[in-house]
Amino acid sequence: PIPIFIPCHRVVGTDGSLTGYRGGIEIKRGLLELESRAGGNRHA
């Protein structure tokens, strides 16, 4: 119930695909791109 603060957007499919997101896939992609630009996206 608390996306962003509880970062469910950081969970992806085993193959790295963007699966469902309550805010919509485009918002999920946007959040991951934002964090990637700022911090460098790596598998956790």
PDB file of all heavy atoms in Angstrom:
ATOM      1  N   PRO A   1       0.794  -1.225   0.000  1.00  0.00           N
ATOM      2  CA  PRO A   1       0.000   0.000   0.000  1.00  0.00           C
ATOM      3  C   PRO A   1       0.830   1.281   0.000  1.00  0.00           C
ATOM      4  O   PRO A   1       0.273   2.370  -0.090  1.00  0.00           O
ATOM      5  CB  PRO A   1      -0.792  -0.114   1.314  1.00  0.00           C
ATOM      6  CG  PRO A   1       0.129  -0.866   2.222  1.00  0.00           C
ATOM      7  CD  PRO A   1       0.876  -1.836   1.333  1.00  0.00           C
ATOM      8  N   ILE A   2       2.163   1.148   0.102  1.00  0.00           N
ATOM      9  CA  ILE A   2       3.007   2.338   0.251  1.00  0.00           C
ATOM     10  C   ILE A   2       4.164   2.276  -0.742  1.00  0.00           C
ATOM     11  O   ILE A   2       5.338   2.168  -0.358  1.00  0.00           O
ATOM     12  CB  ILE A   2       3.536   2.477   1.697  1.00  0.00           C
ATOM     13  CG1 ILE A   2       2.429   2.215   2.710  1.00  0.00           C
ATOM     14  CG2 ILE A   2       4.120   3.864   1.927  1.00  0.00           C
ATOM     15  CD1 ILE A   2       2.884   2.273   4.158  1.00  0.00           C
ATOM     16  N   PRO A   3       3.874   2.304  -2.055  1.00  0.00           N
ATOM     17  CA  PRO A   3       4.962   2.280  -3.029  1.00  0.00           C
ATOM     18  C   PRO A   3       5.882   3.488  -2.869  1.00  0.00           C
ATOM     19  O   PRO A   3       5.528   4.485  -2.253  1.00  0.00           O
ATOM     20  CB  PRO A   3       4.227   2.301  -4.378  1.00  0.00           C
ATOM     21  CG  PRO A   3       2.880   2.865  -4.083  1.00  0.00           C
ATOM     22  CD  PRO A   3       2.552   2.422  -2.701  1.00  0.00           C
ATOM     23  N   ILE A   4       7.044   3.382  -3.438  1.00  0.00           N
ATOM     24  CA  ILE A   4       8.177   4.297  -3.321  1.00  0.00           C
ATOM     25  C   ILE A   4       8.831   4.118  -1.960  1.00  0.00           C
ATOM     26  O   ILE A   4      10.009   3.775  -1.874  1.00  0.00           O
ATOM     27  CB  ILE A   4       7.816   5.778  -3.572  1.00  0.00           C
ATOM     28  CG1 ILE A   4       7.255   5.966  -4.987  1.00  0.00           C
ATOM     29  CG2 ILE A   4       9.057   6.673  -3.378  1.00  0.00           C
ATOM     30  CD1 ILE A   4       6.894   7.397  -5.317  1.00  0.00           C
ATOM     31  N   PHE A   5       8.106   4.352  -0.875  1.00  0.00           N
ATOM     32  CA  PHE A   5       8.681   4.188   0.466  1.00  0.00           C
ATOM     33  C   PHE A   5       8.986   2.722   0.747  1.00  0.00           C
ATOM     34  O   PHE A   5      10.005   2.395   1.355  1.00  0.00           O
ATOM     35  CB  PHE A   5       7.731   4.751   1.526  1.00  0.00           C
ATOM     36  CG  PHE A   5       7.469   6.216   1.365  1.00  0.00           C
ATOM     37  CD1 PHE A   5       6.299   6.666   0.762  1.00  0.00           C
ATOM     38  CD2 PHE A   5       8.393   7.160   1.793  1.00  0.00           C
ATOM     39  CE1 PHE A   5       6.051   8.024   0.604  1.00  0.00           C
ATOM     40  CE2 PHE A   5       8.158   8.524   1.631  1.00  0.00           C
ATOM     41  CZ  PHE A   5       6.985   8.953   1.032  1.00  0.00           C
ATOM     42  N   ILE A   6       8.098   1.830   0.358  1.00  0.00           N
ATOM     43  CA  ILE A   6       8.368   0.394   0.300  1.00  0.00           C
ATOM     44  C   ILE A   6       8.590   0.099  -1.183  1.00  0.00           C
ATOM     45  O   ILE A   6       7.636   0.037  -1.959  1.00  0.00           O
ATOM     46  CB  ILE A   6       7.196  -0.437   0.849  1.00  0.00           C
ATOM     47  CG1 ILE A   6       6.865  -0.024   2.273  1.00  0.00           C
ATOM     48  CG2 ILE A   6       7.524  -1.925   0.772  1.00  0.00           C
ATOM     49  CD1 ILE A   6       7.938  -0.320   3.299  1.00  0.00           C
ATOM     50  N   PRO A   7       9.843  -0.051  -1.618  1.00  0.00           N
ATOM     51  CA  PRO A   7      10.165   0.043  -3.059  1.00  0.00           C
ATOM     52  C   PRO A   7       9.850  -1.211  -3.855  1.00  0.00           C
ATOM     53  O   PRO A   7      10.742  -1.887  -4.389  1.00  0.00           O
ATOM     54  CB  PRO A   7      11.666   0.346  -3.034  1.00  0.00           C
ATOM     55  CG  PRO A   7      12.155  -0.352  -1.804  1.00  0.00           C
ATOM     56  CD  PRO A   7      11.049  -0.191  -0.783  1.00  0.00           C
ATOM     57  N   CYS A   8       8.577  -1.509  -4.020  1.00  0.00           N
ATOM     58  CA  CYS A   8       8.171  -2.679  -4.798  1.00  0.00           C
ATOM     59  C   CYS A   8       8.521  -2.529  -6.276  1.00  0.00           C
ATOM     60  O   CYS A   8       8.549  -3.530  -7.005  1.00  0.00           O
ATOM     61  CB  CYS A   8       6.675  -2.954  -4.613  1.00  0.00           C
ATOM     62  SG  CYS A   8       5.596  -1.548  -4.962  1.00  0.00           S
ATOM     63  N   HIS A   9       8.816  -1.311  -6.728  1.00  0.00           N
ATOM     64  CA  HIS A   9       9.204  -1.124  -8.130  1.00  0.00           C
ATOM     65  C   HIS A   9      10.558  -1.756  -8.433  1.00  0.00           C
ATOM     66  O   HIS A   9      10.896  -1.960  -9.595  1.00  0.00           O
ATOM     67  CB  HIS A   9       9.232   0.367  -8.484  1.00  0.00           C
ATOM     68  CG  HIS A   9      10.248   1.162  -7.710  1.00  0.00           C
ATOM     69  ND1 HIS A   9      10.005   1.637  -6.429  1.00  0.00           N
ATOM     70  CD2 HIS A   9      11.516   1.550  -8.020  1.00  0.00           C
ATOM     71  CE1 HIS A   9      11.059   2.305  -5.999  1.00  0.00           C
ATOM     72  NE2 HIS A   9      11.997   2.258  -6.939  1.00  0.00           N
ATOM     73  N   ARG A  10      11.332  -2.100  -7.402  1.00  0.00           N
ATOM     74  CA  ARG A  10      12.658  -2.690  -7.611  1.00  0.00           C
ATOM     75  C   ARG A  10      12.609  -4.198  -7.813  1.00  0.00           C
ATOM     76  O   ARG A  10      13.650  -4.835  -7.958  1.00  0.00           O
ATOM     77  CB  ARG A  10      13.570  -2.348  -6.433  1.00  0.00           C
ATOM     78  CG  ARG A  10      13.851  -0.861  -6.310  1.00  0.00           C
ATOM     79  CD  ARG A  10      14.681  -0.520  -5.089  1.00  0.00           C
ATOM     80  NE  ARG A  10      14.696   0.941  -4.893  1.00  0.00           N
ATOM     81  CZ  ARG A  10      14.998   1.525  -3.746  1.00  0.00           C
ATOM     82  NH1 ARG A  10      15.299   0.796  -2.682  1.00  0.00           N
ATOM     83  NH2 ARG A  10      14.975   2.852  -3.651  1.00  0.00           N
ATOM     84  N   VAL A  11      11.426  -4.779  -7.801  1.00  0.00           N
ATOM     85  CA  VAL A  11      11.284  -6.218  -8.006  1.00  0.00           C
ATOM     86  C   VAL A  11      10.894  -6.468  -9.465  1.00  0.00           C
ATOM     87  O   VAL A  11       9.929  -5.887  -9.968  1.00  0.00           O
ATOM     88  CB  VAL A  11      10.241  -6.824  -7.056  1.00  0.00           C
ATOM     89  CG1 VAL A  11      10.179  -8.333  -7.237  1.00  0.00           C
ATOM     90  CG2 VAL A  11      10.584  -6.489  -5.604  1.00  0.00           C
ATOM     91  N   VAL A  12      11.667  -7.321 -10.115  1.00  0.00           N
ATOM     92  CA  VAL A  12      11.479  -7.592 -11.542  1.00  0.00           C
ATOM     93  C   VAL A  12      11.417  -9.099 -11.777  1.00  0.00           C
ATOM     94  O   VAL A  12      11.666  -9.893 -10.867  1.00  0.00           O
ATOM     95  CB  VAL A  12      12.624  -6.969 -12.372  1.00  0.00           C
ATOM     96  CG1 VAL A  12      12.653  -5.456 -12.212  1.00  0.00           C
ATOM     97  CG2 VAL A  12      13.977  -7.574 -11.972  1.00  0.00           C
ATOM     98  N   GLY A  13      11.088  -9.485 -12.994  1.00  0.00           N
ATOM     99  CA  GLY A  13      11.084 -10.891 -13.343  1.00  0.00           C
ATOM    100  C   GLY A  13      12.482 -11.481 -13.311  1.00  0.00           C
ATOM    101  O   GLY A  13      13.487 -10.747 -13.343  1.00  0.00           O
ATOM    102  N   THR A  14      12.579 -12.802 -13.263  1.00  0.00           N
ATOM    103  CA  THR A  14      13.879 -13.472 -13.222  1.00  0.00           C
ATOM    104  C   THR A  14      14.740 -13.087 -14.416  1.00  0.00           C
ATOM    105  O   THR A  14      15.969 -12.991 -14.305  1.00  0.00           O
ATOM    106  CB  THR A  14      13.685 -15.001 -13.191  1.00  0.00           C
ATOM    107  OG1 THR A  14      12.887 -15.337 -12.038  1.00  0.00           O
ATOM    108  CG2 THR A  14      15.019 -15.719 -13.082  1.00  0.00           C
ATOM    109  N   ASP A  15      14.109 -12.831 -15.552  1.00  0.00           N
ATOM    110  CA  ASP A  15      14.844 -12.437 -16.750  1.00  0.00           C
ATOM    111  C   ASP A  15      15.043 -10.924 -16.842  1.00  0.00           C
ATOM    112  O   ASP A  15      15.509 -10.418 -17.858  1.00  0.00           O
ATOM    113  CB  ASP A  15      14.117 -12.946 -17.998  1.00  0.00           C
ATOM    114  CG  ASP A  15      12.707 -12.366 -18.131  1.00  0.00           C
ATOM    115  OD1 ASP A  15      12.266 -11.624 -17.226  1.00  0.00           O
ATOM    116  OD2 ASP A  15      12.038 -12.672 -19.141  1.00  0.00           O
ATOM    117  N   GLY A  16      14.696 -10.204 -15.768  1.00  0.00           N
ATOM    118  CA  GLY A  16      14.859  -8.754 -15.759  1.00  0.00           C
ATOM    119  C   GLY A  16      13.696  -7.985 -16.341  1.00  0.00           C
ATOM    120  O   GLY A  16      13.730  -6.750 -16.390  1.00  0.00           O
ATOM    121  N   SER A  17      12.650  -8.685 -16.769  1.00  0.00           N
ATOM    122  CA  SER A  17      11.497  -8.012 -17.371  1.00  0.00           C
ATOM    123  C   SER A  17      10.709  -7.234 -16.319  1.00  0.00           C
ATOM    124  O   SER A  17      10.670  -7.595 -15.138  1.00  0.00           O
ATOM    125  CB  SER A  17      10.585  -9.032 -18.053  1.00  0.00           C
ATOM    126  OG  SER A  17      10.111  -9.982 -17.108  1.00  0.00           O
ATOM    127  N   LEU A  18      10.082  -6.164 -16.761  1.00  0.00           N
ATOM    128  CA  LEU A  18       9.246  -5.359 -15.868  1.00  0.00           C
ATOM    129  C   LEU A  18       7.867  -5.984 -15.801  1.00  0.00           C
ATOM    130  O   LEU A  18       7.103  -5.951 -16.755  1.00  0.00           O
ATOM    131  CB  LEU A  18       9.148  -3.920 -16.384  1.00  0.00           C
ATOM    132  CG  LEU A  18      10.456  -3.147 -16.484  1.00  0.00           C
ATOM    133  CD1 LEU A  18      10.172  -1.691 -16.844  1.00  0.00           C
ATOM    134  CD2 LEU A  18      11.256  -3.227 -15.198  1.00  0.00           C
ATOM    135  N   THR A  19       7.553  -6.556 -14.680  1.00  0.00           N
ATOM    136  CA  THR A  19       6.249  -7.175 -14.489  1.00  0.00           C
ATOM    137  C   THR A  19       5.277  -6.127 -13.953  1.00  0.00           C
ATOM    138  O   THR A  19       5.580  -4.937 -13.954  1.00  0.00           O
ATOM    139  CB  THR A  19       6.377  -8.360 -13.533  1.00  0.00           C
ATOM    140  OG1 THR A  19       7.056  -7.939 -12.346  1.00  0.00           O
ATOM    141  CG2 THR A  19       7.184  -9.485 -14.171  1.00  0.00           C
ATOM    142  N   GLY A  20       4.118  -6.543 -13.480  1.00  0.00           N
ATOM    143  CA  GLY A  20       3.077  -5.598 -13.089  1.00  0.00           C
ATOM    144  C   GLY A  20       3.482  -4.637 -11.992  1.00  0.00           C
ATOM    145  O   GLY A  20       4.383  -4.896 -11.189  1.00  0.00           O
ATOM    146  N   TYR A  21       2.803  -3.507 -11.974  1.00  0.00           N
ATOM    147  CA  TYR A  21       3.035  -2.478 -10.951  1.00  0.00           C
ATOM    148  C   TYR A  21       1.734  -1.711 -10.775  1.00  0.00           C
ATOM    149  O   TYR A  21       1.067  -1.364 -11.756  1.00  0.00           O
ATOM    150  CB  TYR A  21       4.156  -1.538 -11.397  1.00  0.00           C
ATOM    151  CG  TYR A  21       4.583  -0.534 -10.353  1.00  0.00           C
ATOM    152  CD1 TYR A  21       5.127  -0.948  -9.140  1.00  0.00           C
ATOM    153  CD2 TYR A  21       4.448   0.834 -10.587  1.00  0.00           C
ATOM    154  CE1 TYR A  21       5.523  -0.022  -8.185  1.00  0.00           C
ATOM    155  CE2 TYR A  21       4.853   1.761  -9.639  1.00  0.00           C
ATOM    156  CZ  TYR A  21       5.394   1.329  -8.440  1.00  0.00           C
ATOM    157  OH  TYR A  21       5.785   2.248  -7.501  1.00  0.00           O
ATOM    158  N   ARG A  22       1.378  -1.465  -9.525  1.00  0.00           N
ATOM    159  CA  ARG A  22       0.099  -0.817  -9.237  1.00  0.00           C
ATOM    160  C   ARG A  22      -0.022   0.545  -9.915  1.00  0.00           C
ATOM    161  O   ARG A  22      -1.101   0.948 -10.345  1.00  0.00           O
ATOM    162  CB  ARG A  22      -0.084  -0.677  -7.724  1.00  0.00           C
ATOM    163  CG  ARG A  22      -1.477  -0.212  -7.329  1.00  0.00           C
ATOM    164  CD  ARG A  22      -1.591  -0.091  -5.812  1.00  0.00           C
ATOM    165  NE  ARG A  22      -1.469  -1.363  -5.147  1.00  0.00           N
ATOM    166  CZ  ARG A  22      -2.461  -2.229  -5.012  1.00  0.00           C
ATOM    167  NH1 ARG A  22      -3.644  -1.964  -5.538  1.00  0.00           N
ATOM    168  NH2 ARG A  22      -2.287  -3.365  -4.370  1.00  0.00           N
ATOM    169  N   GLY A  23       1.069   1.251 -10.030  1.00  0.00           N
ATOM    170  CA  GLY A  23       1.032   2.549 -10.687  1.00  0.00           C
ATOM    171  C   GLY A  23       1.093   2.465 -12.197  1.00  0.00           C
ATOM    172  O   GLY A  23       0.928   3.479 -12.878  1.00  0.00           O
ATOM    173  N   GLY A  24       1.337   1.264 -12.726  1.00  0.00           N
ATOM    174  CA  GLY A  24       1.480   1.087 -14.163  1.00  0.00           C
ATOM    175  C   GLY A  24       2.937   0.865 -14.535  1.00  0.00           C
ATOM    176  O   GLY A  24       3.854   1.367 -13.872  1.00  0.00           O
ATOM    177  N   ILE A  25       3.159   0.116 -15.604  1.00  0.00           N
ATOM    178  CA  ILE A  25       4.522  -0.241 -16.010  1.00  0.00           C
ATOM    179  C   ILE A  25       5.358   0.988 -16.345  1.00  0.00           C
ATOM    180  O   ILE A  25       6.554   1.040 -16.051  1.00  0.00           O
ATOM    181  CB  ILE A  25       4.483  -1.194 -17.221  1.00  0.00           C
ATOM    182  CG1 ILE A  25       3.912  -2.551 -16.794  1.00  0.00           C
ATOM    183  CG2 ILE A  25       5.881  -1.385 -17.810  1.00  0.00           C
ATOM    184  CD1 ILE A  25       4.752  -3.285 -15.771  1.00  0.00           C
ATOM    185  N   GLU A  26       4.748   2.013 -16.946  1.00  0.00           N
ATOM    186  CA  GLU A  26       5.523   3.197 -17.319  1.00  0.00           C
ATOM    187  C   GLU A  26       6.064   3.909 -16.089  1.00  0.00           C
ATOM    188  O   GLU A  26       7.192   4.411 -16.108  1.00  0.00           O
ATOM    189  CB  GLU A  26       4.673   4.144 -18.173  1.00  0.00           C
ATOM    190  CG  GLU A  26       4.406   3.617 -19.573  1.00  0.00           C
ATOM    191  CD  GLU A  26       5.690   3.215 -20.289  1.00  0.00           C
ATOM    192  OE1 GLU A  26       6.634   4.029 -20.306  1.00  0.00           O
ATOM    193  OE2 GLU A  26       5.739   2.096 -20.811  1.00  0.00           O
ATOM    194  N   ILE A  27       5.280   3.971 -15.016  1.00  0.00           N
ATOM    195  CA  ILE A  27       5.774   4.598 -13.789  1.00  0.00           C
ATOM    196  C   ILE A  27       6.878   3.744 -13.179  1.00  0.00           C
ATOM    197  O   ILE A  27       7.898   4.260 -12.701  1.00  0.00           O
ATOM    198  CB  ILE A  27       4.623   4.830 -12.792  1.00  0.00           C
ATOM    199  CG1 ILE A  27       3.688   5.924 -13.328  1.00  0.00           C
ATOM    200  CG2 ILE A  27       5.153   5.220 -11.415  1.00  0.00           C
ATOM    201  CD1 ILE A  27       2.495   6.219 -12.438  1.00  0.00           C
ATOM    202  N   LYS A  28       6.708   2.423 -13.191  1.00  0.00           N
ATOM    203  CA  LYS A  28       7.753   1.534 -12.680  1.00  0.00           C
ATOM    204  C   LYS A  28       9.047   1.741 -13.462  1.00  0.00           C
ATOM    205  O   LYS A  28      10.126   1.881 -12.871  1.00  0.00           O
ATOM    206  CB  LYS A  28       7.296   0.078 -12.786  1.00  0.00           C
ATOM    207  CG  LYS A  28       8.318  -0.933 -12.275  1.00  0.00           C
ATOM    208  CD  LYS A  28       7.727  -2.332 -12.230  1.00  0.00           C
ATOM    209  CE  LYS A  28       8.691  -3.332 -11.612  1.00  0.00           C
ATOM    210  NZ  LYS A  28       8.054  -4.644 -11.387  1.00  0.00           N
ATOM    211  N   ARG A  29       8.942   1.784 -14.784  1.00  0.00           N
ATOM    212  CA  ARG A  29      10.127   2.003 -15.607  1.00  0.00           C
ATOM    213  C   ARG A  29      10.762   3.355 -15.281  1.00  0.00           C
ATOM    214  O   ARG A  29      11.989   3.474 -15.166  1.00  0.00           O
ATOM    215  CB  ARG A  29       9.767   1.927 -17.091  1.00  0.00           C
ATOM    216  CG  ARG A  29      10.949   2.190 -18.015  1.00  0.00           C
ATOM    217  CD  ARG A  29      10.564   2.117 -19.475  1.00  0.00           C
ATOM    218  NE  ARG A  29      10.247   0.742 -19.875  1.00  0.00           N
ATOM    219  CZ  ARG A  29       9.046   0.296 -20.169  1.00  0.00           C
ATOM    220  NH1 ARG A  29       8.001   1.117 -20.113  1.00  0.00           N
ATOM    221  NH2 ARG A  29       8.846  -0.951 -20.521  1.00  0.00           N
ATOM    222  N   GLY A  30       9.914   4.366 -15.100  1.00  0.00           N
ATOM    223  CA  GLY A  30      10.430   5.693 -14.798  1.00  0.00           C
ATOM    224  C   GLY A  30      11.174   5.744 -13.470  1.00  0.00           C
ATOM    225  O   GLY A  30      12.225   6.392 -13.358  1.00  0.00           O
ATOM    226  N   LEU A  31      10.655   5.068 -12.446  1.00  0.00           N
ATOM    227  CA  LEU A  31      11.327   5.047 -11.143  1.00  0.00           C
ATOM    228  C   LEU A  31      12.674   4.336 -11.241  1.00  0.00           C
ATOM    229  O   LEU A  31      13.674   4.789 -10.668  1.00  0.00           O
ATOM    230  CB  LEU A  31      10.434   4.366 -10.112  1.00  0.00           C
ATOM    231  CG  LEU A  31       9.178   5.135  -9.701  1.00  0.00           C
ATOM    232  CD1 LEU A  31       8.259   4.247  -8.867  1.00  0.00           C
ATOM    233  CD2 LEU A  31       9.539   6.398  -8.921  1.00  0.00           C
ATOM    234  N   LEU A  32      12.707   3.214 -11.952  1.00  0.00           N
ATOM    235  CA  LEU A  32      13.966   2.489 -12.097  1.00  0.00           C
ATOM    236  C   LEU A  32      14.974   3.301 -12.899  1.00  0.00           C
ATOM    237  O   LEU A  32      16.175   3.313 -12.578  1.00  0.00           O
ATOM    238  CB  LEU A  32      13.710   1.137 -12.773  1.00  0.00           C
ATOM    239  CG  LEU A  32      12.962   0.103 -11.927  1.00  0.00           C
ATOM    240  CD1 LEU A  32      12.639  -1.135 -12.764  1.00  0.00           C
ATOM    241  CD2 LEU A  32      13.749  -0.283 -10.690  1.00  0.00           C
ATOM    242  N   GLU A  33      14.520   3.994 -13.929  1.00  0.00           N
ATOM    243  CA  GLU A  33      15.429   4.826 -14.711  1.00  0.00           C
ATOM    244  C   GLU A  33      15.958   5.982 -13.880  1.00  0.00           C
ATOM    245  O   GLU A  33      17.140   6.342 -13.973  1.00  0.00           O
ATOM    246  CB  GLU A  33      14.720   5.336 -15.963  1.00  0.00           C
ATOM    247  CG  GLU A  33      14.476   4.246 -17.003  1.00  0.00           C
ATOM    248  CD  GLU A  33      13.708   4.749 -18.200  1.00  0.00           C
ATOM    249  OE1 GLU A  33      13.211   5.908 -18.160  1.00  0.00           O
ATOM    250  OE2 GLU A  33      13.595   3.993 -19.184  1.00  0.00           O
ATOM    251  N   LEU A  34      15.100   6.583 -13.061  1.00  0.00           N
ATOM    252  CA  LEU A  34      15.530   7.661 -12.180  1.00  0.00           C
ATOM    253  C   LEU A  34      16.650   7.179 -11.261  1.00  0.00           C
ATOM    254  O   LEU A  34      17.689   7.839 -11.122  1.00  0.00           O
ATOM    255  CB  LEU A  34      14.339   8.162 -11.360  1.00  0.00           C
ATOM    256  CG  LEU A  34      14.536   9.331 -10.394  1.00  0.00           C
ATOM    257  CD1 LEU A  34      13.208  10.040 -10.168  1.00  0.00           C
ATOM    258  CD2 LEU A  34      15.091   8.902  -9.046  1.00  0.00           C
ATOM    259  N   GLU A  35      16.440   6.023 -10.637  1.00  0.00           N
ATOM    260  CA  GLU A  35      17.440   5.507  -9.701  1.00  0.00           C
ATOM    261  C   GLU A  35      18.695   5.046 -10.433  1.00  0.00           C
ATOM    262  O   GLU A  35      19.808   5.168  -9.907  1.00  0.00           O
ATOM    263  CB  GLU A  35      16.840   4.366  -8.884  1.00  0.00           C
ATOM    264  CG  GLU A  35      15.711   4.832  -7.968  1.00  0.00           C
ATOM    265  CD  GLU A  35      15.142   3.716  -7.110  1.00  0.00           C
ATOM    266  OE1 GLU A  35      15.617   2.561  -7.228  1.00  0.00           O
ATOM    267  OE2 GLU A  35      14.216   3.991  -6.319  1.00  0.00           O
ATOM    268  N   SER A  36      18.532   4.532 -11.639  1.00  0.00           N
ATOM    269  CA  SER A  36      19.685   4.103 -12.417  1.00  0.00           C
ATOM    270  C   SER A  36      20.568   5.288 -12.791  1.00  0.00           C
ATOM    271  O   SER A  36      21.795   5.218 -12.692  1.00  0.00           O
ATOM    272  CB  SER A  36      19.218   3.372 -13.685  1.00  0.00           C
ATOM    273  OG  SER A  36      20.318   2.970 -14.470  1.00  0.00           O
ATOM    274  N   ARG A  37      19.954   6.389 -13.201  1.00  0.00           N
ATOM    275  CA  ARG A  37      20.730   7.578 -13.559  1.00  0.00           C
ATOM    276  C   ARG A  37      21.489   8.114 -12.357  1.00  0.00           C
ATOM    277  O   ARG A  37      22.636   8.536 -12.470  1.00  0.00           O
ATOM    278  CB  ARG A  37      19.804   8.672 -14.106  1.00  0.00           C
ATOM    279  CG  ARG A  37      19.226   8.387 -15.478  1.00  0.00           C
ATOM    280  CD  ARG A  37      18.600   9.639 -16.064  1.00  0.00           C
ATOM    281  NE  ARG A  37      17.536  10.166 -15.240  1.00  0.00           N
ATOM    282  CZ  ARG A  37      16.254   9.825 -15.351  1.00  0.00           C
ATOM    283  NH1 ARG A  37      15.897   8.923 -16.251  1.00  0.00           N
ATOM    284  NH2 ARG A  37      15.334  10.378 -14.577  1.00  0.00           N
ATOM    285  N   ALA A  38      20.843   8.086 -11.194  1.00  0.00           N
ATOM    286  CA  ALA A  38      21.444   8.679 -10.012  1.00  0.00           C
ATOM    287  C   ALA A  38      22.428   7.746  -9.321  1.00  0.00           C
ATOM    288  O   ALA A  38      23.431   8.190  -8.771  1.00  0.00           O
ATOM    289  CB  ALA A  38      20.348   9.093  -9.016  1.00  0.00           C
ATOM    290  N   GLY A  39      22.125   6.416  -9.322  1.00  0.00           N
ATOM    291  CA  GLY A  39      22.930   5.518  -8.515  1.00  0.00           C
ATOM    292  C   GLY A  39      23.558   4.346  -9.222  1.00  0.00           C
ATOM    293  O   GLY A  39      24.350   3.628  -8.632  1.00  0.00           O
ATOM    294  N   GLY A  40      23.209   4.104 -10.474  1.00  0.00           N
ATOM    295  CA  GLY A  40      23.782   2.974 -11.179  1.00  0.00           C
ATOM    296  C   GLY A  40      23.042   1.688 -10.874  1.00  0.00           C
ATOM    297  O   GLY A  40      23.227   1.094  -9.815  1.00  0.00           O
ATOM    298  N   ASN A  41      22.189   1.234 -11.777  1.00  0.00           N
ATOM    299  CA  ASN A  41      21.333   0.071 -11.511  1.00  0.00           C
ATOM    300  C   ASN A  41      22.112  -1.225 -11.647  1.00  0.00           C
ATOM    301  O   ASN A  41      22.708  -1.496 -12.662  1.00  0.00           O
ATOM    302  CB  ASN A  41      20.155   0.074 -12.494  1.00  0.00           C
ATOM    303  CG  ASN A  41      18.983  -0.706 -11.953  1.00  0.00           C
ATOM    304  OD1 ASN A  41      19.082  -1.377 -10.927  1.00  0.00           O
ATOM    305  ND2 ASN A  41      17.858  -0.621 -12.651  1.00  0.00           N
ATOM    306  N   ARG A  42      22.102  -2.027 -10.576  1.00  0.00           N
ATOM    307  CA  ARG A  42      22.738  -3.334 -10.575  1.00  0.00           C
ATOM    308  C   ARG A  42      21.769  -4.314  -9.944  1.00  0.00           C
ATOM    309  O   ARG A  42      20.892  -3.935  -9.190  1.00  0.00           O
ATOM    310  CB  ARG A  42      24.038  -3.294  -9.762  1.00  0.00           C
ATOM    311  CG  ARG A  42      25.077  -2.337 -10.313  1.00  0.00           C
ATOM    312  CD  ARG A  42      26.333  -2.370  -9.457  1.00  0.00           C
ATOM    313  NE  ARG A  42      26.049  -1.980  -8.096  1.00  0.00           N
ATOM    314  CZ  ARG A  42      26.025  -0.708  -7.680  1.00  0.00           C
ATOM    315  NH1 ARG A  42      26.224   0.263  -8.534  1.00  0.00           N
ATOM    316  NH2 ARG A  42      25.781  -0.429  -6.420  1.00  0.00           N
ATOM    317  N   HIS A  43      21.970  -5.606 -10.218  1.00  0.00           N
ATOM    318  CA  HIS A  43      21.123  -6.613  -9.586  1.00  0.00           C
ATOM    319  C   HIS A  43      21.529  -6.718  -8.126  1.00  0.00           C
ATOM    320  O   HIS A  43      22.711  -6.762  -7.795  1.00  0.00           O
ATOM    321  CB  HIS A  43      21.278  -7.954 -10.289  1.00  0.00           C
ATOM    322  CG  HIS A  43      20.148  -8.882 -10.004  1.00  0.00           C
ATOM    323  ND1 HIS A  43      18.864  -8.639 -10.446  1.00  0.00           N
ATOM    324  CD2 HIS A  43      20.097 -10.039  -9.305  1.00  0.00           C
ATOM    325  CE1 HIS A  43      18.077  -9.610 -10.056  1.00  0.00           C
ATOM    326  NE2 HIS A  43      18.799 -10.468  -9.356  1.00  0.00           N
ATOM    327  N   ALA A  44      20.553  -6.761  -7.222  1.00  0.00           N
ATOM    328  CA  ALA A  44      20.829  -6.533  -5.813  1.00  0.00           C
ATOM    329  C   ALA A  44      21.273  -7.755  -5.043  1.00  0.00           C
ATOM    330  O   ALA A  44      22.249  -7.706  -4.315  1.00  0.00           O
ATOM    331  CB  ALA A  44      19.579  -5.958  -5.141  1.00  0.00           C
TER     332      ALA A  44
END
